[in-house]
Amino acid sequence: MGTAIRVLCVDDHRLMREGIARIVGVQPDMTVVAQASDGEEAVAQFLRYRPDVTLMDLEMPTMGGVQAIHAIRHHQPDARRAHDVSR
């Protein structure tokens, strides 16, 4: 098997974030490289770990997910976006 997909999980609700991380972590082709509880932490963790996929909560205090995505794309313009699957 090839290299595992590296995932960053971002959610301000600890139980939700840890639950998603646990589900991702048991997948044979995925690994959670970092977690973050707000947008500012998400940007820092993204820049530190450069994950392949970021699962981002859009509504968080301090810095929301949309703002965090813009900040990440400012630092890494070639970062690609997926669709909002919360609707």
Protein backbone atom coordinates (compact mmCIF):
# COMPACT_ATOMS: atom_id res chain seq x y z
CA MET A 1 0.00 0.00 0.00
CA GLY A 2 1.13 3.58 -0.73
CA THR A 3 1.49 6.52 1.59
CA ALA A 4 -1.49 7.24 3.83
CA ILE A 5 -3.65 10.31 3.24
CA ARG A 6 -2.66 12.86 5.90
CA VAL A 7 -5.65 14.58 7.55
CA LEU A 8 -6.09 17.68 9.73
CA CYS A 9 -9.35 17.74 11.77
CA VAL A 10 -10.67 21.16 12.81
CA ASP A 11 -13.72 21.69 15.04
CA ASP A 12 -14.32 23.82 18.12
CA HIS A 13 -16.36 21.03 19.72
CA ARG A 14 -13.85 18.63 21.25
CA LEU A 15 -16.10 15.55 21.12
CA MET A 16 -16.94 16.12 17.45
CA ARG A 17 -13.28 16.74 16.54
CA GLU A 18 -12.04 13.70 18.44
CA GLY A 19 -14.84 11.52 17.05
CA ILE A 20 -14.00 12.46 13.48
CA ALA A 21 -10.30 11.96 14.18
CA ARG A 22 -11.01 8.51 15.61
CA ILE A 23 -13.07 7.48 12.56
CA VAL A 24 -10.39 8.76 10.19
CA GLY A 25 -7.65 7.17 12.27
CA VAL A 26 -9.00 3.64 11.87
CA GLN A 27 -9.03 3.87 8.08
CA PRO A 28 -6.14 1.84 6.66
CA ASP A 29 -5.26 4.49 4.07
CA MET A 30 -5.58 7.60 6.30
CA THR A 31 -3.80 9.09 9.27
CA VAL A 32 -4.64 12.12 11.41
CA VAL A 33 -1.55 14.32 11.54
CA ALA A 34 -3.06 17.10 13.66
CA GLN A 35 -6.19 18.55 15.24
CA ALA A 36 -7.22 22.15 15.87
CA SER A 37 -10.00 23.78 17.89
CA ASP A 38 -10.29 27.11 16.04
CA GLY A 39 -9.31 28.78 12.79
CA GLU A 40 -6.08 30.33 14.04
CA GLU A 41 -4.87 26.98 15.33
CA ALA A 42 -5.99 25.36 12.06
CA VAL A 43 -3.81 27.71 10.02
CA ALA A 44 -0.81 27.06 12.26
CA GLN A 45 -1.31 23.28 12.15
CA PHE A 46 -1.81 23.34 8.38
CA LEU A 47 1.43 25.25 7.86
CA ARG A 48 3.29 22.94 10.24
CA TYR A 49 2.01 19.57 8.95
CA ARG A 50 0.91 20.34 5.35
CA PRO A 51 -1.91 17.75 5.38
CA ASP A 52 -3.39 16.30 2.19
CA VAL A 53 -6.93 16.90 3.50
CA THR A 54 -8.34 19.35 6.06
CA LEU A 55 -11.78 18.67 7.54
CA MET A 56 -12.84 22.16 8.62
CA ASP A 57 -15.78 23.29 10.74
CA LEU A 58 -17.02 26.52 9.16
CA GLU A 59 -18.51 28.16 12.26
CA MET A 60 -16.02 28.60 15.10
CA PRO A 61 -15.15 31.39 17.54
CA THR A 62 -12.02 33.54 17.14
CA MET A 63 -11.51 32.73 13.45
CA GLY A 64 -14.14 30.83 11.51
CA GLY A 65 -13.45 28.10 9.01
CA VAL A 66 -13.97 30.29 5.94
CA GLN A 67 -11.45 32.84 7.25
CA ALA A 68 -9.03 30.03 8.04
CA ILE A 69 -9.37 28.62 4.53
CA HIS A 70 -8.59 32.06 3.08
CA ALA A 71 -5.54 32.37 5.34
CA ILE A 72 -4.32 28.89 4.37
CA ARG A 73 -4.76 29.67 0.68
CA HIS A 74 -2.86 32.94 1.18
CA HIS A 75 0.12 30.96 2.46
CA GLN A 76 -0.34 28.07 0.04
CA PRO A 77 -2.17 29.32 -3.09
CA ASP A 78 -2.15 25.88 -4.72
CA ALA A 79 -4.21 24.37 -1.86
CA ARG A 80 -7.39 22.98 -3.39
CA ARG A 81 -10.93 23.28 -2.04
CA ALA A 82 -13.63 20.70 -1.71
CA HIS A 83 -17.33 21.39 -1.39
CA ASP A 84 -19.19 22.17 1.82
CA VAL A 85 -20.77 18.87 2.79
CA SER A 86 -22.66 20.19 5.83
CA ARG A 87 -25.78 21.07 3.83
